[in-house]
């Protein structure tokens, strides 16, 4: 059985930068954000259900989901967000399992913003939390996504709180420094995970 390491963190914390460092070392990364896009691709049943529920204006002219419009709708209304989660979470869970099973690297990373909020945490042997102060989270996300501050705050409020996330971490990567400093931290963890993977295989 392969070692599965969960990587999580709030929006704007730098999960993608961390998982990229692992990928550069030949490690398979199963990204729940990418999986969530796969399950709503054209031709998939989930996309039809979303269009029926929210209206066809949520579908773009090329037949794909208008994710920005959907995000704005669900983060403005908890009832709609819970409806969407009930639809997509089981589908996302199955796709994640399939991708982990197909992984051939020494260990596997499961990157997910909802790792600790959902049953996904049962899939991992170790939880790594990428952490930055909330002010920096907000600043980075507004710059990166060109979202307004109020929407980013709503997304942050819908996610698990920073202190709760840190309390559930096995390992914390503090990500307020340079990319080089981050890569050095990942290198140390990578070597530790290789040793641990050897001991469980």
N, C-alpha and C. Protein backbone atom coordinates (compact mmCIF):
# COMPACT_ATOMS: atom_id res chain seq x y z
N UNK A 1 0.84 -1.19 0.00
CA UNK A 1 0.00 0.00 0.00
C UNK A 1 0.88 1.24 0.00
N UNK A 2 0.54 2.20 -0.84
CA UNK A 2 1.35 3.41 -0.95
C UNK A 2 1.05 4.39 0.19
N UNK A 3 2.06 5.13 0.59
CA UNK A 3 1.89 6.20 1.57
C UNK A 3 1.18 7.37 0.89
N UNK A 4 0.13 7.89 1.52
CA UNK A 4 -0.59 9.04 0.96
C UNK A 4 -0.45 10.22 1.93
N UNK A 5 0.09 11.30 1.42
CA UNK A 5 0.30 12.51 2.23
C UNK A 5 -0.70 13.57 1.80
N UNK A 6 -1.50 14.04 2.74
CA UNK A 6 -2.46 15.10 2.45
C UNK A 6 -1.82 16.47 2.59
N UNK A 7 -2.05 17.33 1.61
CA UNK A 7 -1.58 18.72 1.68
C UNK A 7 -2.79 19.63 1.61
N UNK A 8 -2.93 20.52 2.59
CA UNK A 8 -4.07 21.42 2.60
C UNK A 8 -3.63 22.78 3.12
N UNK A 9 -4.56 23.72 3.10
CA UNK A 9 -4.29 25.08 3.56
C UNK A 9 -5.40 25.97 3.05
N UNK A 10 -5.56 27.12 3.64
CA UNK A 10 -6.59 28.05 3.20
C UNK A 10 -6.27 28.60 1.82
N UNK A 11 -7.26 29.23 1.21
CA UNK A 11 -7.07 29.85 -0.10
C UNK A 11 -5.91 30.86 -0.01
N UNK A 12 -5.04 30.85 -1.01
CA UNK A 12 -3.93 31.79 -1.03
C UNK A 12 -2.75 31.43 -0.16
N UNK A 13 -2.77 30.23 0.43
CA UNK A 13 -1.67 29.84 1.34
C UNK A 13 -0.44 29.34 0.59
N UNK A 14 -0.63 28.89 -0.66
CA UNK A 14 0.50 28.40 -1.44
C UNK A 14 0.54 26.89 -1.61
N UNK A 15 -0.63 26.24 -1.52
CA UNK A 15 -0.68 24.78 -1.72
C UNK A 15 -0.12 24.38 -3.08
N UNK A 16 -0.47 25.16 -4.11
CA UNK A 16 -0.04 24.82 -5.47
C UNK A 16 1.48 24.90 -5.60
N UNK A 17 2.07 25.91 -5.00
CA UNK A 17 3.54 26.04 -5.04
C UNK A 17 4.20 24.85 -4.34
N UNK A 18 3.62 24.42 -3.23
CA UNK A 18 4.16 23.27 -2.49
C UNK A 18 4.04 22.00 -3.31
N UNK A 19 2.86 21.75 -3.87
CA UNK A 19 2.68 20.50 -4.62
C UNK A 19 3.52 20.49 -5.89
N UNK A 20 3.76 21.66 -6.47
CA UNK A 20 4.65 21.75 -7.64
C UNK A 20 6.06 21.29 -7.26
N UNK A 21 6.50 21.68 -6.08
CA UNK A 21 7.83 21.25 -5.62
C UNK A 21 7.90 19.72 -5.49
N UNK A 22 6.81 19.12 -5.01
CA UNK A 22 6.79 17.65 -4.91
C UNK A 22 6.77 17.01 -6.30
N UNK A 23 5.99 17.60 -7.21
CA UNK A 23 5.93 17.07 -8.58
C UNK A 23 7.30 17.11 -9.25
N UNK A 24 8.06 18.15 -8.99
CA UNK A 24 9.40 18.26 -9.57
C UNK A 24 10.34 17.17 -9.07
N UNK A 25 9.95 16.53 -7.99
CA UNK A 25 10.74 15.42 -7.44
C UNK A 25 10.15 14.07 -7.85
N UNK A 26 9.26 14.09 -8.84
CA UNK A 26 8.72 12.85 -9.40
C UNK A 26 7.57 12.23 -8.63
N UNK A 27 6.96 13.02 -7.75
CA UNK A 27 5.87 12.49 -6.93
C UNK A 27 4.53 12.80 -7.58
N UNK A 28 3.65 11.81 -7.63
CA UNK A 28 2.30 12.00 -8.17
C UNK A 28 1.49 12.88 -7.22
N UNK A 29 0.87 13.92 -7.78
CA UNK A 29 -0.02 14.78 -7.00
C UNK A 29 -1.44 14.61 -7.52
N UNK A 30 -2.31 14.15 -6.65
CA UNK A 30 -3.74 14.10 -6.96
C UNK A 30 -4.33 15.40 -6.41
N UNK A 31 -4.80 16.25 -7.30
CA UNK A 31 -5.27 17.59 -6.93
C UNK A 31 -6.79 17.62 -6.92
N UNK A 32 -7.37 17.77 -5.74
CA UNK A 32 -8.84 17.74 -5.63
C UNK A 32 -9.49 18.89 -6.41
N UNK A 33 -8.79 20.03 -6.54
CA UNK A 33 -9.34 21.13 -7.34
C UNK A 33 -9.47 20.73 -8.80
N UNK A 34 -8.44 20.05 -9.32
CA UNK A 34 -8.50 19.59 -10.71
C UNK A 34 -9.57 18.50 -10.87
N UNK A 35 -9.65 17.62 -9.88
CA UNK A 35 -10.67 16.56 -9.91
C UNK A 35 -12.07 17.19 -9.93
N UNK A 36 -12.24 18.27 -9.16
CA UNK A 36 -13.57 18.92 -9.12
C UNK A 36 -13.94 19.51 -10.48
N UNK A 37 -12.93 19.81 -11.30
CA UNK A 37 -13.20 20.28 -12.68
C UNK A 37 -13.56 19.10 -13.58
N UNK A 38 -12.88 17.97 -13.37
CA UNK A 38 -13.13 16.78 -14.19
C UNK A 38 -14.59 16.31 -14.06
N UNK A 39 -15.11 16.30 -12.81
CA UNK A 39 -16.45 15.74 -12.60
C UNK A 39 -17.57 16.61 -13.16
N UNK A 40 -17.24 17.87 -13.54
CA UNK A 40 -18.27 18.73 -14.14
C UNK A 40 -17.95 19.06 -15.61
N UNK A 41 -17.12 18.22 -16.24
CA UNK A 41 -16.82 18.41 -17.66
C UNK A 41 -18.06 18.14 -18.51
N UNK A 42 -18.13 18.74 -19.72
CA UNK A 42 -19.26 18.47 -20.61
C UNK A 42 -19.43 16.97 -20.84
N UNK A 43 -20.68 16.53 -20.80
CA UNK A 43 -20.97 15.11 -20.98
C UNK A 43 -21.08 14.35 -19.68
N UNK A 44 -20.60 14.96 -18.58
CA UNK A 44 -20.72 14.31 -17.27
C UNK A 44 -22.09 14.63 -16.67
N UNK A 45 -22.69 13.66 -15.96
CA UNK A 45 -24.03 13.88 -15.39
C UNK A 45 -24.11 15.09 -14.45
N UNK A 46 -23.03 15.37 -13.72
CA UNK A 46 -23.05 16.48 -12.76
C UNK A 46 -23.31 17.82 -13.44
N UNK A 47 -22.77 18.00 -14.63
CA UNK A 47 -22.95 19.29 -15.33
C UNK A 47 -24.41 19.50 -15.70
N UNK A 48 -25.06 18.43 -16.14
CA UNK A 48 -26.49 18.54 -16.47
C UNK A 48 -27.31 18.89 -15.24
N UNK A 49 -26.97 18.26 -14.11
CA UNK A 49 -27.71 18.52 -12.86
C UNK A 49 -27.51 19.98 -12.41
N UNK A 50 -26.29 20.49 -12.57
CA UNK A 50 -26.01 21.88 -12.20
C UNK A 50 -26.80 22.85 -13.08
N UNK A 51 -26.84 22.56 -14.38
CA UNK A 51 -27.59 23.41 -15.32
C UNK A 51 -29.08 23.40 -15.00
N UNK A 52 -29.61 22.23 -14.64
CA UNK A 52 -31.03 22.13 -14.28
C UNK A 52 -31.33 22.93 -13.02
N UNK A 53 -30.40 22.89 -12.06
CA UNK A 53 -30.63 23.53 -10.77
C UNK A 53 -30.44 25.04 -10.83
N UNK A 54 -29.35 25.48 -11.45
CA UNK A 54 -29.00 26.90 -11.44
C UNK A 54 -29.45 27.66 -12.70
N UNK A 55 -29.84 26.92 -13.74
CA UNK A 55 -30.23 27.55 -14.99
C UNK A 55 -29.12 27.44 -16.03
N UNK A 56 -29.50 27.44 -17.28
CA UNK A 56 -28.53 27.20 -18.36
C UNK A 56 -27.55 28.35 -18.55
N UNK A 57 -27.84 29.53 -17.94
CA UNK A 57 -26.90 30.64 -18.07
C UNK A 57 -25.60 30.38 -17.30
N UNK A 58 -25.57 29.30 -16.51
CA UNK A 58 -24.36 28.92 -15.78
C UNK A 58 -23.40 28.15 -16.71
N UNK A 59 -23.88 27.80 -17.92
CA UNK A 59 -23.06 27.10 -18.92
C UNK A 59 -22.58 28.12 -19.96
N UNK A 60 -21.29 28.07 -20.26
CA UNK A 60 -20.71 28.99 -21.24
C UNK A 60 -21.02 28.53 -22.67
N UNK A 61 -20.76 29.40 -23.63
CA UNK A 61 -21.11 29.10 -25.03
C UNK A 61 -20.38 27.87 -25.56
N UNK A 62 -19.21 27.54 -25.00
CA UNK A 62 -18.48 26.35 -25.45
C UNK A 62 -18.94 25.07 -24.74
N UNK A 63 -20.00 25.19 -23.92
CA UNK A 63 -20.55 24.02 -23.25
C UNK A 63 -19.94 23.71 -21.89
N UNK A 64 -18.93 24.50 -21.49
CA UNK A 64 -18.29 24.25 -20.19
C UNK A 64 -18.96 25.08 -19.10
N UNK A 65 -18.70 24.70 -17.86
CA UNK A 65 -19.27 25.37 -16.70
C UNK A 65 -18.61 26.73 -16.50
N UNK A 66 -19.42 27.74 -16.24
CA UNK A 66 -18.89 29.06 -15.87
C UNK A 66 -18.59 29.01 -14.38
N UNK A 67 -17.37 28.61 -14.06
CA UNK A 67 -17.00 28.37 -12.65
C UNK A 67 -17.03 29.64 -11.81
N UNK A 68 -16.65 30.76 -12.41
CA UNK A 68 -16.66 32.03 -11.66
C UNK A 68 -18.09 32.41 -11.27
N UNK A 69 -19.02 32.24 -12.22
CA UNK A 69 -20.43 32.57 -11.94
C UNK A 69 -20.99 31.63 -10.88
N UNK A 70 -20.64 30.34 -10.98
CA UNK A 70 -21.12 29.36 -10.00
C UNK A 70 -20.55 29.68 -8.61
N UNK A 71 -19.25 30.01 -8.57
CA UNK A 71 -18.61 30.32 -7.29
C UNK A 71 -19.30 31.51 -6.62
N UNK A 72 -19.60 32.53 -7.42
CA UNK A 72 -20.27 33.72 -6.88
C UNK A 72 -21.63 33.36 -6.30
N UNK A 73 -22.35 32.46 -6.99
CA UNK A 73 -23.69 32.06 -6.52
C UNK A 73 -23.60 31.27 -5.21
N UNK A 74 -22.72 30.28 -5.17
CA UNK A 74 -22.72 29.37 -4.01
C UNK A 74 -22.09 30.00 -2.77
N UNK A 75 -21.15 30.92 -2.96
CA UNK A 75 -20.57 31.55 -1.77
C UNK A 75 -21.40 32.72 -1.27
N UNK A 76 -22.45 33.05 -1.98
CA UNK A 76 -23.39 34.06 -1.51
C UNK A 76 -24.60 33.41 -0.82
N UNK A 77 -24.70 32.09 -0.89
CA UNK A 77 -25.89 31.39 -0.37
C UNK A 77 -25.48 29.99 0.12
N UNK A 78 -25.46 29.81 1.43
CA UNK A 78 -25.03 28.53 2.01
C UNK A 78 -25.88 27.37 1.55
N UNK A 79 -27.18 27.59 1.35
CA UNK A 79 -28.07 26.50 0.91
C UNK A 79 -27.64 25.98 -0.44
N UNK A 80 -27.30 26.89 -1.35
CA UNK A 80 -26.85 26.50 -2.69
C UNK A 80 -25.49 25.80 -2.62
N UNK A 81 -24.62 26.29 -1.74
CA UNK A 81 -23.30 25.66 -1.60
C UNK A 81 -23.45 24.22 -1.10
N UNK A 82 -24.33 24.03 -0.13
CA UNK A 82 -24.53 22.67 0.40
C UNK A 82 -25.15 21.76 -0.66
N UNK A 83 -26.05 22.30 -1.48
CA UNK A 83 -26.63 21.49 -2.57
C UNK A 83 -25.53 21.02 -3.51
N UNK A 84 -24.65 21.97 -3.89
CA UNK A 84 -23.57 21.64 -4.83
C UNK A 84 -22.63 20.60 -4.22
N UNK A 85 -22.33 20.75 -2.94
CA UNK A 85 -21.43 19.81 -2.26
C UNK A 85 -22.03 18.41 -2.22
N UNK A 86 -23.33 18.31 -1.95
CA UNK A 86 -23.99 16.99 -1.92
C UNK A 86 -23.91 16.31 -3.28
N UNK A 87 -23.98 17.11 -4.35
CA UNK A 87 -23.90 16.55 -5.70
C UNK A 87 -22.48 16.10 -6.03
N UNK A 88 -21.51 16.99 -5.79
CA UNK A 88 -20.17 16.76 -6.33
C UNK A 88 -19.22 15.98 -5.41
N UNK A 89 -19.38 16.09 -4.09
CA UNK A 89 -18.40 15.45 -3.20
C UNK A 89 -18.26 13.94 -3.39
N UNK A 90 -19.38 13.18 -3.54
CA UNK A 90 -19.20 11.74 -3.78
C UNK A 90 -18.47 11.45 -5.10
N UNK A 91 -18.76 12.24 -6.13
CA UNK A 91 -18.11 12.05 -7.44
C UNK A 91 -16.62 12.38 -7.35
N UNK A 92 -16.31 13.47 -6.64
CA UNK A 92 -14.92 13.86 -6.44
C UNK A 92 -14.18 12.79 -5.65
N UNK A 93 -14.83 12.26 -4.61
CA UNK A 93 -14.21 11.22 -3.78
C UNK A 93 -13.83 9.98 -4.57
N UNK A 94 -14.71 9.56 -5.47
CA UNK A 94 -14.43 8.37 -6.27
C UNK A 94 -13.29 8.61 -7.24
N UNK A 95 -13.27 9.78 -7.88
CA UNK A 95 -12.21 10.12 -8.84
C UNK A 95 -10.85 10.21 -8.12
N UNK A 96 -10.85 10.76 -6.91
CA UNK A 96 -9.61 10.84 -6.11
C UNK A 96 -9.09 9.44 -5.81
N UNK A 97 -9.99 8.56 -5.39
CA UNK A 97 -9.60 7.16 -5.10
C UNK A 97 -8.99 6.50 -6.33
N UNK A 98 -9.62 6.71 -7.47
CA UNK A 98 -9.13 6.12 -8.72
C UNK A 98 -7.73 6.61 -9.06
N UNK A 99 -7.50 7.92 -8.87
CA UNK A 99 -6.20 8.48 -9.19
C UNK A 99 -5.11 8.04 -8.21
N UNK A 100 -5.47 7.93 -6.94
CA UNK A 100 -4.49 7.44 -5.94
C UNK A 100 -4.10 6.00 -6.27
N UNK A 101 -5.10 5.19 -6.62
CA UNK A 101 -4.84 3.78 -6.95
C UNK A 101 -3.93 3.64 -8.16
N UNK A 102 -4.00 4.61 -9.08
CA UNK A 102 -3.21 4.54 -10.31
C UNK A 102 -1.79 5.10 -10.14
N UNK A 103 -1.52 5.71 -8.98
CA UNK A 103 -0.21 6.35 -8.76
C UNK A 103 0.91 5.32 -8.69
N UNK A 104 2.03 5.64 -9.34
CA UNK A 104 3.18 4.74 -9.36
C UNK A 104 4.40 5.32 -8.66
N UNK A 105 4.28 6.52 -8.06
CA UNK A 105 5.44 7.13 -7.40
C UNK A 105 5.64 6.53 -6.00
N UNK A 106 6.77 6.85 -5.39
CA UNK A 106 7.16 6.25 -4.10
C UNK A 106 6.10 6.50 -3.02
N UNK A 107 5.52 7.67 -3.05
CA UNK A 107 4.36 8.00 -2.22
C UNK A 107 3.50 8.95 -3.04
N UNK A 108 2.32 9.27 -2.55
CA UNK A 108 1.38 10.09 -3.32
C UNK A 108 0.92 11.27 -2.48
N UNK A 109 0.81 12.42 -3.14
CA UNK A 109 0.27 13.61 -2.47
C UNK A 109 -1.20 13.77 -2.86
N UNK A 110 -2.06 13.99 -1.87
CA UNK A 110 -3.44 14.40 -2.13
C UNK A 110 -3.56 15.85 -1.68
N UNK A 111 -3.69 16.74 -2.66
CA UNK A 111 -3.81 18.16 -2.37
C UNK A 111 -5.28 18.55 -2.40
N UNK A 112 -5.78 19.10 -1.29
CA UNK A 112 -7.20 19.44 -1.24
C UNK A 112 -7.47 20.55 -0.23
N UNK A 113 -8.16 21.62 -0.66
CA UNK A 113 -8.53 22.67 0.29
C UNK A 113 -9.53 22.17 1.33
N UNK A 114 -10.29 21.12 0.98
CA UNK A 114 -11.32 20.60 1.89
C UNK A 114 -10.90 19.30 2.57
N UNK A 115 -9.61 19.03 2.58
CA UNK A 115 -9.11 17.76 3.14
C UNK A 115 -9.65 17.51 4.55
N UNK A 116 -9.61 18.53 5.39
CA UNK A 116 -9.96 18.35 6.80
C UNK A 116 -11.45 18.58 7.06
N UNK A 117 -12.16 19.09 6.05
CA UNK A 117 -13.60 19.37 6.21
C UNK A 117 -14.45 18.18 5.75
N UNK A 118 -13.83 17.21 5.08
CA UNK A 118 -14.60 16.14 4.43
C UNK A 118 -14.00 14.77 4.79
N UNK A 119 -14.60 13.74 4.24
CA UNK A 119 -14.12 12.37 4.47
C UNK A 119 -12.78 12.11 3.77
N UNK A 120 -12.30 13.08 2.98
CA UNK A 120 -11.02 12.90 2.30
C UNK A 120 -9.88 12.65 3.30
N UNK A 121 -10.01 13.18 4.51
CA UNK A 121 -8.91 13.01 5.49
C UNK A 121 -8.69 11.55 5.84
N UNK A 122 -9.72 10.71 5.63
CA UNK A 122 -9.57 9.27 5.90
C UNK A 122 -8.67 8.60 4.87
N UNK A 123 -8.39 9.28 3.75
CA UNK A 123 -7.58 8.69 2.68
C UNK A 123 -6.08 8.90 2.89
N UNK A 124 -5.71 9.76 3.86
CA UNK A 124 -4.30 10.12 4.00
C UNK A 124 -3.69 9.57 5.29
N UNK A 125 -2.37 9.36 5.24
CA UNK A 125 -1.63 8.85 6.40
C UNK A 125 -1.01 9.98 7.21
N UNK A 126 -0.97 11.16 6.64
CA UNK A 126 -0.27 12.28 7.26
C UNK A 126 -0.85 13.57 6.69
N UNK A 127 -1.06 14.58 7.54
CA UNK A 127 -1.64 15.85 7.10
C UNK A 127 -0.60 16.96 7.18
N UNK A 128 -0.33 17.57 6.01
CA UNK A 128 0.58 18.71 5.93
C UNK A 128 -0.27 19.96 5.69
N UNK A 129 -0.16 20.95 6.57
CA UNK A 129 -0.89 22.20 6.40
C UNK A 129 0.08 23.29 5.96
N UNK A 130 -0.23 23.93 4.82
CA UNK A 130 0.54 25.08 4.35
C UNK A 130 -0.11 26.31 4.98
N UNK A 131 0.69 27.09 5.71
CA UNK A 131 0.10 28.15 6.53
C UNK A 131 0.73 29.51 6.26
N UNK A 132 -0.15 30.52 6.16
CA UNK A 132 0.27 31.93 6.14
C UNK A 132 -0.75 32.72 6.96
N UNK A 133 -0.37 33.89 7.46
CA UNK A 133 -1.36 34.73 8.17
C UNK A 133 -2.53 35.09 7.26
N UNK A 134 -3.70 35.27 7.86
CA UNK A 134 -4.92 35.51 7.07
C UNK A 134 -4.82 36.79 6.23
N UNK A 135 -4.13 37.80 6.74
CA UNK A 135 -3.97 39.04 5.98
C UNK A 135 -3.22 38.77 4.67
N UNK A 136 -2.21 37.90 4.73
CA UNK A 136 -1.43 37.56 3.54
C UNK A 136 -2.26 36.68 2.59
N UNK A 137 -3.06 35.77 3.16
CA UNK A 137 -3.99 34.96 2.35
C UNK A 137 -4.87 35.87 1.49
N UNK A 138 -5.46 36.85 2.15
CA UNK A 138 -6.38 37.77 1.49
C UNK A 138 -5.67 38.54 0.38
N UNK A 139 -4.51 39.09 0.71
CA UNK A 139 -3.73 39.89 -0.23
C UNK A 139 -3.34 39.07 -1.46
N UNK A 140 -2.81 37.86 -1.24
CA UNK A 140 -2.37 37.01 -2.35
C UNK A 140 -3.53 36.62 -3.25
N UNK A 141 -4.67 36.27 -2.64
CA UNK A 141 -5.81 35.77 -3.42
C UNK A 141 -6.44 36.88 -4.25
N UNK A 142 -6.56 38.07 -3.68
CA UNK A 142 -7.11 39.20 -4.43
C UNK A 142 -6.23 39.49 -5.65
N UNK A 143 -4.90 39.46 -5.45
CA UNK A 143 -3.97 39.72 -6.56
C UNK A 143 -4.02 38.61 -7.61
N UNK A 144 -4.05 37.37 -7.15
CA UNK A 144 -3.98 36.22 -8.07
C UNK A 144 -5.25 36.04 -8.87
N UNK A 145 -6.40 36.08 -8.20
CA UNK A 145 -7.67 35.74 -8.85
C UNK A 145 -8.44 36.95 -9.35
N UNK A 146 -7.93 38.15 -9.04
CA UNK A 146 -8.62 39.39 -9.43
C UNK A 146 -10.06 39.40 -8.90
N UNK A 147 -10.26 38.74 -7.74
CA UNK A 147 -11.57 38.77 -7.08
C UNK A 147 -11.62 39.97 -6.16
N UNK A 148 -12.84 40.45 -5.87
CA UNK A 148 -12.91 41.54 -4.91
C UNK A 148 -12.72 40.98 -3.50
N UNK A 149 -12.28 41.84 -2.61
CA UNK A 149 -11.92 41.44 -1.24
C UNK A 149 -13.09 40.79 -0.51
N UNK A 150 -14.30 41.30 -0.74
CA UNK A 150 -15.48 40.76 -0.03
C UNK A 150 -15.73 39.31 -0.41
N UNK A 151 -15.56 38.97 -1.70
CA UNK A 151 -15.77 37.58 -2.11
C UNK A 151 -14.71 36.66 -1.54
N UNK A 152 -13.46 37.13 -1.52
CA UNK A 152 -12.38 36.31 -0.95
C UNK A 152 -12.64 36.07 0.54
N UNK A 153 -13.13 37.09 1.23
CA UNK A 153 -13.44 36.93 2.66
C UNK A 153 -14.56 35.91 2.87
N UNK A 154 -15.54 35.90 1.94
CA UNK A 154 -16.63 34.91 2.04
C UNK A 154 -16.09 33.50 1.84
N UNK A 155 -15.17 33.33 0.88
CA UNK A 155 -14.56 32.02 0.64
C UNK A 155 -13.77 31.58 1.88
N UNK A 156 -12.99 32.51 2.43
CA UNK A 156 -12.20 32.19 3.63
C UNK A 156 -13.11 31.81 4.80
N UNK A 157 -14.24 32.52 4.93
CA UNK A 157 -15.17 32.24 6.02
C UNK A 157 -15.83 30.86 5.87
N UNK A 158 -15.98 30.41 4.61
CA UNK A 158 -16.60 29.10 4.35
C UNK A 158 -15.61 27.96 4.60
N UNK A 159 -14.31 28.28 4.60
CA UNK A 159 -13.30 27.25 4.84
C UNK A 159 -13.07 27.09 6.34
N UNK A 160 -12.45 25.98 6.70
CA UNK A 160 -12.09 25.76 8.10
C UNK A 160 -11.19 26.90 8.58
N UNK A 161 -11.38 27.32 9.83
CA UNK A 161 -10.57 28.40 10.39
C UNK A 161 -9.10 28.02 10.51
N UNK A 162 -8.24 29.02 10.46
CA UNK A 162 -6.80 28.78 10.47
C UNK A 162 -6.36 27.99 11.70
N UNK A 163 -6.82 28.39 12.88
CA UNK A 163 -6.38 27.71 14.11
C UNK A 163 -6.88 26.27 14.17
N UNK A 164 -8.10 26.04 13.69
CA UNK A 164 -8.64 24.67 13.66
C UNK A 164 -7.82 23.79 12.72
N UNK A 165 -7.43 24.37 11.58
CA UNK A 165 -6.63 23.63 10.60
C UNK A 165 -5.26 23.27 11.19
N UNK A 166 -4.64 24.25 11.84
CA UNK A 166 -3.31 24.01 12.43
C UNK A 166 -3.38 22.95 13.53
N UNK A 167 -4.48 22.92 14.26
CA UNK A 167 -4.64 21.94 15.35
C UNK A 167 -4.70 20.51 14.82
N UNK A 168 -5.12 20.34 13.55
CA UNK A 168 -5.26 19.01 12.97
C UNK A 168 -4.04 18.59 12.13
N UNK A 169 -3.04 19.48 12.06
CA UNK A 169 -1.86 19.22 11.22
C UNK A 169 -0.89 18.27 11.91
N UNK A 170 -0.31 17.36 11.11
CA UNK A 170 0.84 16.57 11.58
C UNK A 170 2.13 17.36 11.32
N UNK A 171 2.12 18.11 10.21
CA UNK A 171 3.28 18.91 9.81
C UNK A 171 2.75 20.26 9.31
N UNK A 172 3.42 21.35 9.68
CA UNK A 172 3.04 22.68 9.18
C UNK A 172 4.19 23.24 8.35
N UNK A 173 3.87 23.68 7.13
CA UNK A 173 4.83 24.40 6.30
C UNK A 173 4.46 25.88 6.37
N UNK A 174 5.32 26.67 7.00
CA UNK A 174 5.08 28.11 7.09
C UNK A 174 5.59 28.73 5.79
N UNK A 175 4.69 29.41 5.05
CA UNK A 175 5.00 29.84 3.68
C UNK A 175 4.95 31.36 3.53
N UNK A 176 5.74 32.05 4.34
CA UNK A 176 5.79 33.51 4.21
C UNK A 176 7.09 33.97 3.56
N UNK A 177 7.99 33.03 3.25
CA UNK A 177 9.29 33.39 2.69
C UNK A 177 9.34 33.24 1.18
N UNK A 178 10.54 33.04 0.66
CA UNK A 178 10.76 32.94 -0.79
C UNK A 178 10.40 31.55 -1.30
N UNK A 179 10.31 31.44 -2.63
CA UNK A 179 10.07 30.13 -3.26
C UNK A 179 11.24 29.19 -2.99
N UNK A 180 12.44 29.74 -2.94
CA UNK A 180 13.63 28.91 -2.66
C UNK A 180 13.55 28.32 -1.25
N UNK A 181 13.14 29.15 -0.29
CA UNK A 181 12.99 28.67 1.09
C UNK A 181 11.92 27.58 1.16
N UNK A 182 10.84 27.77 0.40
CA UNK A 182 9.76 26.78 0.36
C UNK A 182 10.27 25.47 -0.22
N UNK A 183 11.03 25.55 -1.31
CA UNK A 183 11.57 24.35 -1.95
C UNK A 183 12.49 23.58 -1.00
N UNK A 184 13.27 24.30 -0.22
CA UNK A 184 14.16 23.64 0.76
C UNK A 184 13.34 22.88 1.81
N UNK A 185 12.24 23.46 2.24
CA UNK A 185 11.36 22.79 3.21
C UNK A 185 10.76 21.52 2.61
N UNK A 186 10.36 21.62 1.34
CA UNK A 186 9.78 20.45 0.66
C UNK A 186 10.84 19.36 0.50
N UNK A 187 12.06 19.74 0.18
CA UNK A 187 13.14 18.75 0.02
C UNK A 187 13.33 17.94 1.30
N UNK A 188 13.32 18.62 2.44
CA UNK A 188 13.46 17.94 3.74
C UNK A 188 12.30 16.96 3.96
N UNK A 189 11.09 17.43 3.68
CA UNK A 189 9.91 16.57 3.85
C UNK A 189 9.93 15.40 2.88
N UNK A 190 10.33 15.67 1.63
CA UNK A 190 10.40 14.63 0.61
C UNK A 190 11.27 13.47 1.07
N UNK A 191 12.45 13.79 1.59
CA UNK A 191 13.37 12.74 2.06
C UNK A 191 12.77 11.96 3.22
N UNK A 192 12.07 12.66 4.11
CA UNK A 192 11.42 11.99 5.24
C UNK A 192 10.30 11.07 4.76
N UNK A 193 9.53 11.53 3.76
CA UNK A 193 8.43 10.72 3.24
C UNK A 193 8.95 9.49 2.48
N UNK A 194 10.08 9.64 1.80
CA UNK A 194 10.68 8.48 1.12
C UNK A 194 11.04 7.40 2.13
N UNK A 195 11.63 7.80 3.24
CA UNK A 195 11.99 6.84 4.31
C UNK A 195 10.73 6.19 4.88
N UNK A 196 9.72 7.00 5.12
CA UNK A 196 8.47 6.48 5.70
C UNK A 196 7.77 5.53 4.71
N UNK A 197 7.80 5.90 3.44
CA UNK A 197 7.18 5.05 2.41
C UNK A 197 7.87 3.70 2.34
N UNK A 198 9.19 3.70 2.48
CA UNK A 198 9.95 2.44 2.48
C UNK A 198 9.50 1.54 3.61
N UNK A 199 9.24 2.16 4.76
CA UNK A 199 8.90 1.37 5.95
C UNK A 199 7.49 0.79 5.90
N UNK A 200 6.60 1.39 5.08
CA UNK A 200 5.22 0.87 5.01
C UNK A 200 4.99 -0.02 3.81
N UNK A 201 5.93 0.01 2.84
CA UNK A 201 5.70 -0.79 1.62
C UNK A 201 6.04 -2.25 1.85
